[in-house]
């Protein structure tokens, strides 16, 4: 088994979200996958295993420090990049098909970017008054700054607080702890004419109620983009920024095609490749 370290969604080198990608992950059991994920300490680590669906080019299992995820965005792009770099050849020209917990996800190359087709939202609609109040309190934002609060679940159970401005997003002071399973984020617009249209922050609980901020979050950006495009808050394409408050500088390219599909793209760079991992009966 080999381990690659890749950087996803960065505006420059080492400015995105780091990811560990394990090639030959079928040699590990669930416990070993989780233990390696926890040891690496990234928001996610992925494991390439043989596909089960004949339409898929590869299958990926996505772990975060508290368990397995059915889908995540930066692991999708980072894993695809590592698979291609290792010599992977897609079955169909112009598109790579990933199999994961939510089913099949298309990935395409767009010049220097990789982009995934956003999976359907599994839950939409407004947060209850209680959910909205609790999310605002955990995020550390005044309720007066919250324009809208909605569900945008797409694997992770994301909740979105849309704020008045990007400054409101950056001024948020999140709590140190939150209940297990908390997954929500903030989005606010930059002034018209800015290179970046929206600023985002995303928060989750990797374990022991510790509230963590993710550097750059593809699945959250996918849910936000689908909501913005569907409600006329964005048109055609835009660039989002994320990660300023945790030392990252992410750029997420969001677009909607003629068929109404939303695509989430970004740069992916290999930081280190080919590190050998022991394989002894499923133990990492």
C-alpha atoms as a PDB file:
ATOM      1  CA  UNK A   1       0.000   0.000   0.000  1.00  0.00           C
ATOM      2  CA  UNK A   2       1.164   3.506  -0.836  1.00  0.00           C
ATOM      3  CA  UNK A   3       0.222   6.841   0.706  1.00  0.00           C
ATOM      4  CA  UNK A   4       0.031  10.136  -1.193  1.00  0.00           C
ATOM      5  CA  UNK A   5      -0.332  13.547   0.447  1.00  0.00           C
ATOM      6  CA  UNK A   6      -2.208  16.047  -1.706  1.00  0.00           C
ATOM      7  CA  UNK A   7      -3.403  19.625  -1.320  1.00  0.00           C
ATOM      8  CA  UNK A   8      -6.889  20.486  -2.620  1.00  0.00           C
ATOM      9  CA  UNK A   9      -8.528  23.838  -3.461  1.00  0.00           C
ATOM     10  CA  UNK A  10      -5.432  25.929  -2.664  1.00  0.00           C
ATOM     11  CA  UNK A  11      -4.912  29.300  -4.322  1.00  0.00           C
ATOM     12  CA  UNK A  12      -1.177  28.550  -4.121  1.00  0.00           C
ATOM     13  CA  UNK A  13       1.108  25.807  -2.804  1.00  0.00           C
ATOM     14  CA  UNK A  14       0.173  24.492   0.661  1.00  0.00           C
ATOM     15  CA  UNK A  15      -2.823  26.840   0.936  1.00  0.00           C
ATOM     16  CA  UNK A  16      -5.651  24.343   0.492  1.00  0.00           C
ATOM     17  CA  UNK A  17      -7.018  21.382   2.436  1.00  0.00           C
ATOM     18  CA  UNK A  18      -4.572  18.485   2.947  1.00  0.00           C
ATOM     19  CA  UNK A  19      -5.644  14.917   2.213  1.00  0.00           C
ATOM     20  CA  UNK A  20      -4.072  11.497   2.645  1.00  0.00           C
ATOM     21  CA  UNK A  21      -4.849   9.037  -0.174  1.00  0.00           C
ATOM     22  CA  UNK A  22      -4.089   5.343   0.382  1.00  0.00           C
ATOM     23  CA  UNK A  23      -3.662   3.218  -2.747  1.00  0.00           C
ATOM     24  CA  UNK A  24      -4.597  -0.448  -2.280  1.00  0.00           C
ATOM     25  CA  UNK A  25      -6.871   0.241   0.658  1.00  0.00           C
ATOM     26  CA  UNK A  26      -8.606  -3.139   0.362  1.00  0.00           C
ATOM     27  CA  UNK A  27      -5.795  -4.508   2.510  1.00  0.00           C
ATOM     28  CA  UNK A  28      -7.083  -2.594   5.533  1.00  0.00           C
ATOM     29  CA  UNK A  29     -10.142  -3.248   7.665  1.00  0.00           C
ATOM     30  CA  UNK A  30     -12.451  -0.483   8.926  1.00  0.00           C
ATOM     31  CA  UNK A  31     -10.663  -0.155  12.266  1.00  0.00           C
ATOM     32  CA  UNK A  32      -7.277   0.243  10.604  1.00  0.00           C
ATOM     33  CA  UNK A  33      -8.647   2.852   8.183  1.00  0.00           C
ATOM     34  CA  UNK A  34     -10.059   4.875  11.049  1.00  0.00           C
ATOM     35  CA  UNK A  35      -6.901   4.568  13.130  1.00  0.00           C
ATOM     36  CA  UNK A  36      -4.704   5.765  10.266  1.00  0.00           C
ATOM     37  CA  UNK A  37      -7.098   8.675   9.639  1.00  0.00           C
ATOM     38  CA  UNK A  38      -6.893   9.697  13.281  1.00  0.00           C
ATOM     39  CA  UNK A  39      -3.103   9.376  13.293  1.00  0.00           C
ATOM     40  CA  UNK A  40      -2.667  11.562  10.205  1.00  0.00           C
ATOM     41  CA  UNK A  41      -4.929  14.182  11.760  1.00  0.00           C
ATOM     42  CA  UNK A  42      -6.326  15.598   8.511  1.00  0.00           C
ATOM     43  CA  UNK A  43     -10.013  16.394   8.191  1.00  0.00           C
ATOM     44  CA  UNK A  44     -10.280  13.322   5.899  1.00  0.00           C
ATOM     45  CA  UNK A  45      -8.208  10.421   4.567  1.00  0.00           C
ATOM     46  CA  UNK A  46      -9.336   8.264   1.648  1.00  0.00           C
ATOM     47  CA  UNK A  47      -8.763   4.656   0.672  1.00  0.00           C
ATOM     48  CA  UNK A  48      -8.858   3.464  -2.937  1.00  0.00           C
ATOM     49  CA  UNK A  49     -10.510   0.038  -3.267  1.00  0.00           C
ATOM     50  CA  UNK A  50     -11.803  -1.945  -6.271  1.00  0.00           C
ATOM     51  CA  UNK A  51     -15.100  -0.661  -7.712  1.00  0.00           C
ATOM     52  CA  UNK A  52     -18.287  -2.652  -7.238  1.00  0.00           C
ATOM     53  CA  UNK A  53     -20.321  -0.784  -9.863  1.00  0.00           C
ATOM     54  CA  UNK A  54     -19.175  -1.624 -13.424  1.00  0.00           C
ATOM     55  CA  UNK A  55     -19.697   2.006 -14.458  1.00  0.00           C
ATOM     56  CA  UNK A  56     -17.164   3.268 -11.901  1.00  0.00           C
ATOM     57  CA  UNK A  57     -13.485   3.819 -12.591  1.00  0.00           C
ATOM     58  CA  UNK A  58     -12.613   3.368  -8.921  1.00  0.00           C
ATOM     59  CA  UNK A  59     -14.245   3.210  -5.511  1.00  0.00           C
ATOM     60  CA  UNK A  60     -13.203   5.326  -2.551  1.00  0.00           C
ATOM     61  CA  UNK A  61     -13.903   5.061   1.137  1.00  0.00           C
ATOM     62  CA  UNK A  62     -13.756   8.393   2.940  1.00  0.00           C
ATOM     63  CA  UNK A  63     -12.907   8.596   6.619  1.00  0.00           C
ATOM     64  CA  UNK A  64     -12.756  11.492   9.041  1.00  0.00           C
ATOM     65  CA  UNK A  65     -11.479  11.196  12.630  1.00  0.00           C
ATOM     66  CA  UNK A  66     -14.882  10.141  13.975  1.00  0.00           C
ATOM     67  CA  UNK A  67     -15.890   7.613  11.307  1.00  0.00           C
ATOM     68  CA  UNK A  68     -16.759   7.100   7.635  1.00  0.00           C
ATOM     69  CA  UNK A  69     -18.482   9.601   5.329  1.00  0.00           C
ATOM     70  CA  UNK A  70     -20.690   8.733   2.334  1.00  0.00           C
ATOM     71  CA  UNK A  71     -19.362  11.738   0.406  1.00  0.00           C
ATOM     72  CA  UNK A  72     -16.960  14.636   0.787  1.00  0.00           C
ATOM     73  CA  UNK A  73     -15.766  17.150  -1.764  1.00  0.00           C
ATOM     74  CA  UNK A  74     -12.060  17.786  -1.296  1.00  0.00           C
ATOM     75  CA  UNK A  75     -11.462  14.018  -0.839  1.00  0.00           C
ATOM     76  CA  UNK A  76     -13.252  13.423  -4.145  1.00  0.00           C
ATOM     77  CA  UNK A  77     -10.961  15.758  -6.075  1.00  0.00           C
ATOM     78  CA  UNK A  78      -7.826  14.738  -4.185  1.00  0.00           C
ATOM     79  CA  UNK A  79      -8.481  11.027  -4.665  1.00  0.00           C
ATOM     80  CA  UNK A  80      -9.218  11.483  -8.363  1.00  0.00           C
ATOM     81  CA  UNK A  81      -5.972  13.423  -8.772  1.00  0.00           C
ATOM     82  CA  UNK A  82      -3.976  10.687  -7.005  1.00  0.00           C
ATOM     83  CA  UNK A  83      -5.684   7.949  -9.050  1.00  0.00           C
ATOM     84  CA  UNK A  84      -4.908   9.708 -12.339  1.00  0.00           C
ATOM     85  CA  UNK A  85      -1.331  10.439 -11.295  1.00  0.00           C
ATOM     86  CA  UNK A  86      -0.839   6.748 -10.480  1.00  0.00           C
ATOM     87  CA  UNK A  87      -1.797   5.843 -14.049  1.00  0.00           C
ATOM     88  CA  UNK A  88      -5.561   5.484 -13.773  1.00  0.00           C
ATOM     89  CA  UNK A  89      -7.360   5.518 -17.121  1.00  0.00           C
ATOM     90  CA  UNK A  90     -11.065   6.460 -17.182  1.00  0.00           C
ATOM     91  CA  UNK A  91     -13.465   4.246 -19.099  1.00  0.00           C
ATOM     92  CA  UNK A  92     -15.087   7.233 -20.806  1.00  0.00           C
ATOM     93  CA  UNK A  93     -13.346  10.195 -22.431  1.00  0.00           C
ATOM     94  CA  UNK A  94     -13.726  13.467 -20.602  1.00  0.00           C
ATOM     95  CA  UNK A  95     -15.146  12.131 -17.345  1.00  0.00           C
ATOM     96  CA  UNK A  96     -13.931  10.082 -14.393  1.00  0.00           C
ATOM     97  CA  UNK A  97     -16.583   8.169 -12.457  1.00  0.00           C
ATOM     98  CA  UNK A  98     -16.032   7.748  -8.714  1.00  0.00           C
ATOM     99  CA  UNK A  99     -17.988   5.284  -6.621  1.00  0.00           C
ATOM    100  CA  UNK A 100     -18.551   6.226  -2.974  1.00  0.00           C
ATOM    101  CA  UNK A 101     -21.222   6.045  -0.292  1.00  0.00           C
ATOM    102  CA  UNK A 102     -23.701   8.275  -2.140  1.00  0.00           C
ATOM    103  CA  UNK A 103     -23.304   6.322  -5.383  1.00  0.00           C
ATOM    104  CA  UNK A 104     -21.558   7.469  -8.553  1.00  0.00           C
ATOM    105  CA  UNK A 105     -19.988  10.943  -8.735  1.00  0.00           C
ATOM    106  CA  UNK A 106     -18.656  12.386 -11.989  1.00  0.00           C
ATOM    107  CA  UNK A 107     -15.360  14.260 -12.046  1.00  0.00           C
ATOM    108  CA  UNK A 108     -14.011  16.151 -15.035  1.00  0.00           C
ATOM    109  CA  UNK A 109     -10.819  17.968 -15.902  1.00  0.00           C
ATOM    110  CA  UNK A 110     -11.198  21.701 -16.645  1.00  0.00           C
ATOM    111  CA  UNK A 111      -7.790  22.943 -17.799  1.00  0.00           C
ATOM    112  CA  UNK A 112      -5.741  23.119 -14.580  1.00  0.00           C
ATOM    113  CA  UNK A 113      -8.721  22.293 -12.377  1.00  0.00           C
ATOM    114  CA  UNK A 114     -10.588  19.159 -11.387  1.00  0.00           C
ATOM    115  CA  UNK A 115     -14.321  19.535 -10.772  1.00  0.00           C
ATOM    116  CA  UNK A 116     -16.953  17.180  -9.376  1.00  0.00           C
ATOM    117  CA  UNK A 117     -20.640  17.143 -10.205  1.00  0.00           C
ATOM    118  CA  UNK A 118     -22.504  18.032  -7.029  1.00  0.00           C
ATOM    119  CA  UNK A 119     -24.649  15.141  -5.800  1.00  0.00           C
ATOM    120  CA  UNK A 120     -28.352  15.784  -5.138  1.00  0.00           C
ATOM    121  CA  UNK A 121     -29.305  17.343  -1.844  1.00  0.00           C
ATOM    122  CA  UNK A 122     -30.817  14.766   0.502  1.00  0.00           C
ATOM    123  CA  UNK A 123     -32.438  17.400   2.723  1.00  0.00           C
ATOM    124  CA  UNK A 124     -33.500  20.970   2.056  1.00  0.00           C
ATOM    125  CA  UNK A 125     -35.799  23.513   3.651  1.00  0.00           C
ATOM    126  CA  UNK A 126     -35.556  26.018   6.449  1.00  0.00           C
ATOM    127  CA  UNK A 127     -34.058  25.255   9.827  1.00  0.00           C
ATOM    128  CA  UNK A 128     -36.507  25.367  12.708  1.00  0.00           C
ATOM    129  CA  UNK A 129     -36.355  28.405  14.950  1.00  0.00           C
ATOM    130  CA  UNK A 130     -34.565  26.304  17.558  1.00  0.00           C
ATOM    131  CA  UNK A 131     -32.029  24.929  15.051  1.00  0.00           C
ATOM    132  CA  UNK A 132     -31.388  28.414  13.701  1.00  0.00           C
ATOM    133  CA  UNK A 133     -30.838  29.873  17.160  1.00  0.00           C
ATOM    134  CA  UNK A 134     -28.554  27.017  18.246  1.00  0.00           C
ATOM    135  CA  UNK A 135     -26.481  27.240  15.058  1.00  0.00           C
ATOM    136  CA  UNK A 136     -26.051  31.001  15.400  1.00  0.00           C
ATOM    137  CA  UNK A 137     -25.004  30.595  19.030  1.00  0.00           C
ATOM    138  CA  UNK A 138     -22.468  27.857  18.213  1.00  0.00           C
ATOM    139  CA  UNK A 139     -21.126  29.903  15.291  1.00  0.00           C
ATOM    140  CA  UNK A 140     -20.755  32.979  17.440  1.00  0.00           C
ATOM    141  CA  UNK A 141     -22.708  35.276  15.132  1.00  0.00           C
ATOM    142  CA  UNK A 142     -25.501  37.681  16.134  1.00  0.00           C
ATOM    143  CA  UNK A 143     -28.887  36.481  14.965  1.00  0.00           C
ATOM    144  CA  UNK A 144     -29.360  39.867  13.301  1.00  0.00           C
ATOM    145  CA  UNK A 145     -26.583  38.907  10.876  1.00  0.00           C
ATOM    146  CA  UNK A 146     -28.406  35.750   9.731  1.00  0.00           C
ATOM    147  CA  UNK A 147     -30.342  36.352   6.511  1.00  0.00           C
ATOM    148  CA  UNK A 148     -31.348  32.732   5.972  1.00  0.00           C
ATOM    149  CA  UNK A 149     -30.868  29.351   7.661  1.00  0.00           C
ATOM    150  CA  UNK A 150     -31.435  26.182   5.599  1.00  0.00           C
ATOM    151  CA  UNK A 151     -30.575  22.502   5.309  1.00  0.00           C
ATOM    152  CA  UNK A 152     -28.212  21.592   2.434  1.00  0.00           C
ATOM    153  CA  UNK A 153     -27.419  17.960   3.304  1.00  0.00           C
ATOM    154  CA  UNK A 154     -25.581  16.004   0.598  1.00  0.00           C
ATOM    155  CA  UNK A 155     -23.908  13.186   2.522  1.00  0.00           C
ATOM    156  CA  UNK A 156     -22.804  15.318   5.458  1.00  0.00           C
ATOM    157  CA  UNK A 157     -25.840  16.874   7.140  1.00  0.00           C
ATOM    158  CA  UNK A 158     -24.825  20.448   6.411  1.00  0.00           C
ATOM    159  CA  UNK A 159     -26.813  23.384   7.710  1.00  0.00           C
ATOM    160  CA  UNK A 160     -26.187  26.771   6.100  1.00  0.00           C
ATOM    161  CA  UNK A 161     -26.378  30.138   7.804  1.00  0.00           C
ATOM    162  CA  UNK A 162     -26.341  32.752   5.051  1.00  0.00           C
ATOM    163  CA  UNK A 163     -25.068  35.992   6.553  1.00  0.00           C
ATOM    164  CA  UNK A 164     -25.304  39.631   5.455  1.00  0.00           C
ATOM    165  CA  UNK A 165     -21.693  39.918   4.309  1.00  0.00           C
ATOM    166  CA  UNK A 166     -18.311  38.245   4.039  1.00  0.00           C
ATOM    167  CA  UNK A 167     -17.177  40.420   6.954  1.00  0.00           C
ATOM    168  CA  UNK A 168     -19.892  38.855   9.123  1.00  0.00           C
ATOM    169  CA  UNK A 169     -18.535  35.424   8.174  1.00  0.00           C
ATOM    170  CA  UNK A 170     -14.973  36.349   9.090  1.00  0.00           C
ATOM    171  CA  UNK A 171     -16.052  38.026  12.343  1.00  0.00           C
ATOM    172  CA  UNK A 172     -17.772  34.866  13.643  1.00  0.00           C
ATOM    173  CA  UNK A 173     -16.298  33.477  16.872  1.00  0.00           C
ATOM    174  CA  UNK A 174     -17.338  29.808  17.095  1.00  0.00           C
ATOM    175  CA  UNK A 175     -17.680  27.888  20.334  1.00  0.00           C
ATOM    176  CA  UNK A 176     -14.914  25.527  21.429  1.00  0.00           C
ATOM    177  CA  UNK A 177     -17.276  22.549  21.784  1.00  0.00           C
ATOM    178  CA  UNK A 178     -20.443  21.331  20.097  1.00  0.00           C
ATOM    179  CA  UNK A 179     -22.641  18.214  20.172  1.00  0.00           C
ATOM    180  CA  UNK A 180     -21.448  15.186  18.190  1.00  0.00           C
ATOM    181  CA  UNK A 181     -22.820  15.283  14.636  1.00  0.00           C
ATOM    182  CA  UNK A 182     -22.878  19.080  14.369  1.00  0.00           C
ATOM    183  CA  UNK A 183     -22.178  20.086  10.760  1.00  0.00           C
ATOM    184  CA  UNK A 184     -22.908  23.613   9.634  1.00  0.00           C
ATOM    185  CA  UNK A 185     -21.296  26.512   7.867  1.00  0.00           C
ATOM    186  CA  UNK A 186     -21.499  30.184   7.069  1.00  0.00           C
ATOM    187  CA  UNK A 187     -21.625  32.007   3.737  1.00  0.00           C
ATOM    188  CA  UNK A 188     -21.688  35.731   3.033  1.00  0.00           C
ATOM    189  CA  UNK A 189     -21.199  37.843  -0.099  1.00  0.00           C
ATOM    190  CA  UNK A 190     -18.243  40.073  -0.890  1.00  0.00           C
ATOM    191  CA  UNK A 191     -19.070  43.445  -2.494  1.00  0.00           C
ATOM    192  CA  UNK A 192     -19.992  43.327  -6.161  1.00  0.00           C
ATOM    193  CA  UNK A 193     -16.926  43.437  -8.382  1.00  0.00           C
ATOM    194  CA  UNK A 194     -14.689  41.531  -5.971  1.00  0.00           C
ATOM    195  CA  UNK A 195     -12.610  38.678  -7.394  1.00  0.00           C
ATOM    196  CA  UNK A 196     -14.148  36.390  -4.782  1.00  0.00           C
ATOM    197  CA  UNK A 197     -17.949  36.455  -4.709  1.00  0.00           C
ATOM    198  CA  UNK A 198     -18.657  34.545  -1.487  1.00  0.00           C
ATOM    199  CA  UNK A 199     -16.719  33.811   1.694  1.00  0.00           C
ATOM    200  CA  UNK A 200     -17.409  30.527   3.481  1.00  0.00           C
ATOM    201  CA  UNK A 201     -16.512  28.853   6.755  1.00  0.00           C
ATOM    202  CA  UNK A 202     -17.473  25.287   7.743  1.00  0.00           C
ATOM    203  CA  UNK A 203     -17.465  23.571  11.130  1.00  0.00           C
ATOM    204  CA  UNK A 204     -17.782  19.965  12.287  1.00  0.00           C
ATOM    205  CA  UNK A 205     -17.033  17.761  15.305  1.00  0.00           C
ATOM    206  CA  UNK A 206     -14.183  15.280  14.652  1.00  0.00           C
ATOM    207  CA  UNK A 207     -14.719  13.684  18.069  1.00  0.00           C
ATOM    208  CA  UNK A 208     -15.047  14.319  21.810  1.00  0.00           C
ATOM    209  CA  UNK A 209     -17.285  17.350  21.159  1.00  0.00           C
ATOM    210  CA  UNK A 210     -14.289  19.344  19.916  1.00  0.00           C
ATOM    211  CA  UNK A 211     -15.587  21.903  17.421  1.00  0.00           C
ATOM    212  CA  UNK A 212     -13.233  22.169  14.435  1.00  0.00           C
ATOM    213  CA  UNK A 213     -13.094  24.488  11.435  1.00  0.00           C
ATOM    214  CA  UNK A 214     -12.379  22.850   8.097  1.00  0.00           C
ATOM    215  CA  UNK A 215      -9.848  24.647   5.855  1.00  0.00           C
ATOM    216  CA  UNK A 216     -11.722  24.224   2.539  1.00  0.00           C
ATOM    217  CA  UNK A 217     -14.863  22.121   2.205  1.00  0.00           C
ATOM    218  CA  UNK A 218     -16.029  20.781  -1.147  1.00  0.00           C
ATOM    219  CA  UNK A 219     -19.279  19.208   0.037  1.00  0.00           C
ATOM    220  CA  UNK A 220     -20.355  22.364   1.893  1.00  0.00           C
ATOM    221  CA  UNK A 221     -19.466  24.512  -1.127  1.00  0.00           C
ATOM    222  CA  UNK A 222     -21.501  22.123  -3.292  1.00  0.00           C
ATOM    223  CA  UNK A 223     -24.565  22.498  -1.088  1.00  0.00           C
ATOM    224  CA  UNK A 224     -24.165  26.270  -0.910  1.00  0.00           C
ATOM    225  CA  UNK A 225     -23.740  26.554  -4.686  1.00  0.00           C
ATOM    226  CA  UNK A 226     -26.823  24.457  -5.380  1.00  0.00           C
ATOM    227  CA  UNK A 227     -28.826  26.652  -3.015  1.00  0.00           C
ATOM    228  CA  UNK A 228     -27.486  29.918  -4.445  1.00  0.00           C
ATOM    229  CA  UNK A 229     -28.056  28.931  -8.075  1.00  0.00           C
ATOM    230  CA  UNK A 230     -31.523  27.514  -7.377  1.00  0.00           C
ATOM    231  CA  UNK A 231     -32.632  30.713  -5.637  1.00  0.00           C
ATOM    232  CA  UNK A 232     -31.163  33.250  -8.051  1.00  0.00           C
ATOM    233  CA  UNK A 233     -28.465  34.368  -5.621  1.00  0.00           C
ATOM    234  CA  UNK A 234     -25.726  33.396  -8.097  1.00  0.00           C
ATOM    235  CA  UNK A 235     -25.697  33.055 -11.885  1.00  0.00           C
ATOM    236  CA  UNK A 236     -23.549  30.988 -14.258  1.00  0.00           C
ATOM    237  CA  UNK A 237     -20.378  30.805 -12.167  1.00  0.00           C
ATOM    238  CA  UNK A 238     -18.544  32.337  -9.250  1.00  0.00           C
ATOM    239  CA  UNK A 239     -15.433  31.858  -7.106  1.00  0.00           C
ATOM    240  CA  UNK A 240     -15.719  31.300  -3.361  1.00  0.00           C
ATOM    241  CA  UNK A 241     -13.024  31.757  -0.758  1.00  0.00           C
ATOM    242  CA  UNK A 242     -12.532  29.714   2.395  1.00  0.00           C
ATOM    243  CA  UNK A 243      -9.895  29.083   5.033  1.00  0.00           C
ATOM    244  CA  UNK A 244      -8.579  32.505   6.034  1.00  0.00           C
ATOM    245  CA  UNK A 245      -9.224  31.953   9.723  1.00  0.00           C
ATOM    246  CA  UNK A 246      -7.255  28.671   9.865  1.00  0.00           C
ATOM    247  CA  UNK A 247      -4.220  29.645   7.781  1.00  0.00           C
ATOM    248  CA  UNK A 248      -5.526  28.413   4.426  1.00  0.00           C
ATOM    249  CA  UNK A 249      -6.395  30.356   1.291  1.00  0.00           C
ATOM    250  CA  UNK A 250      -8.873  28.282  -0.653  1.00  0.00           C
ATOM    251  CA  UNK A 251     -10.426  29.049  -4.014  1.00  0.00           C
ATOM    252  CA  UNK A 252     -13.491  27.101  -5.050  1.00  0.00           C
ATOM    253  CA  UNK A 253     -14.792  27.456  -8.617  1.00  0.00           C
ATOM    254  CA  UNK A 254     -18.562  26.919  -8.722  1.00  0.00           C
ATOM    255  CA  UNK A 255     -20.595  26.763 -11.931  1.00  0.00           C
ATOM    256  CA  UNK A 256     -23.897  25.545 -13.317  1.00  0.00           C
ATOM    257  CA  UNK A 257     -24.109  23.988 -16.782  1.00  0.00           C
ATOM    258  CA  UNK A 258     -26.827  24.126 -19.421  1.00  0.00           C
ATOM    259  CA  UNK A 259     -28.457  21.010 -17.970  1.00  0.00           C
ATOM    260  CA  UNK A 260     -28.674  22.510 -14.490  1.00  0.00           C
ATOM    261  CA  UNK A 261     -25.850  20.433 -13.010  1.00  0.00           C
ATOM    262  CA  UNK A 262     -23.629  22.213 -10.498  1.00  0.00           C
ATOM    263  CA  UNK A 263     -19.863  21.660 -10.666  1.00  0.00           C
ATOM    264  CA  UNK A 264     -17.347  22.357  -7.907  1.00  0.00           C
ATOM    265  CA  UNK A 265     -13.746  22.749  -9.027  1.00  0.00           C
ATOM    266  CA  UNK A 266     -10.327  23.606  -7.732  1.00  0.00           C
ATOM    267  CA  UNK A 267      -6.604  23.072  -8.072  1.00  0.00           C
ATOM    268  CA  UNK A 268      -5.058  19.871  -6.730  1.00  0.00           C
ATOM    269  CA  UNK A 269      -1.329  19.419  -6.093  1.00  0.00           C
ATOM    270  CA  UNK A 270       0.721  16.432  -4.981  1.00  0.00           C
ATOM    271  CA  UNK A 271       2.869  17.260  -1.955  1.00  0.00           C
ATOM    272  CA  UNK A 272       4.404  13.808  -1.435  1.00  0.00           C
ATOM    273  CA  UNK A 273       3.773  10.501  -3.198  1.00  0.00           C
ATOM    274  CA  UNK A 274       4.532   6.825  -2.768  1.00  0.00           C
ATOM    275  CA  UNK A 275       5.058   6.524   0.966  1.00  0.00           C
ATOM    276  CA  UNK A 276       4.887   2.823   1.850  1.00  0.00           C
ATOM    277  CA  UNK A 277       2.436   1.609   4.494  1.00  0.00           C
ATOM    278  CA  UNK A 278       2.705  -1.741   6.266  1.00  0.00           C
ATOM    279  CA  UNK A 279       0.015  -4.293   5.482  1.00  0.00           C
ATOM    280  CA  UNK A 280      -0.246  -7.041   8.058  1.00  0.00           C
ATOM    281  CA  UNK A 281      -3.649  -8.650   8.098  1.00  0.00           C
ATOM    282  CA  UNK A 282      -5.674  -5.460   8.016  1.00  0.00           C
ATOM    283  CA  UNK A 283      -3.579  -3.608  10.584  1.00  0.00           C
ATOM    284  CA  UNK A 284      -2.218  -0.168   9.715  1.00  0.00           C
END
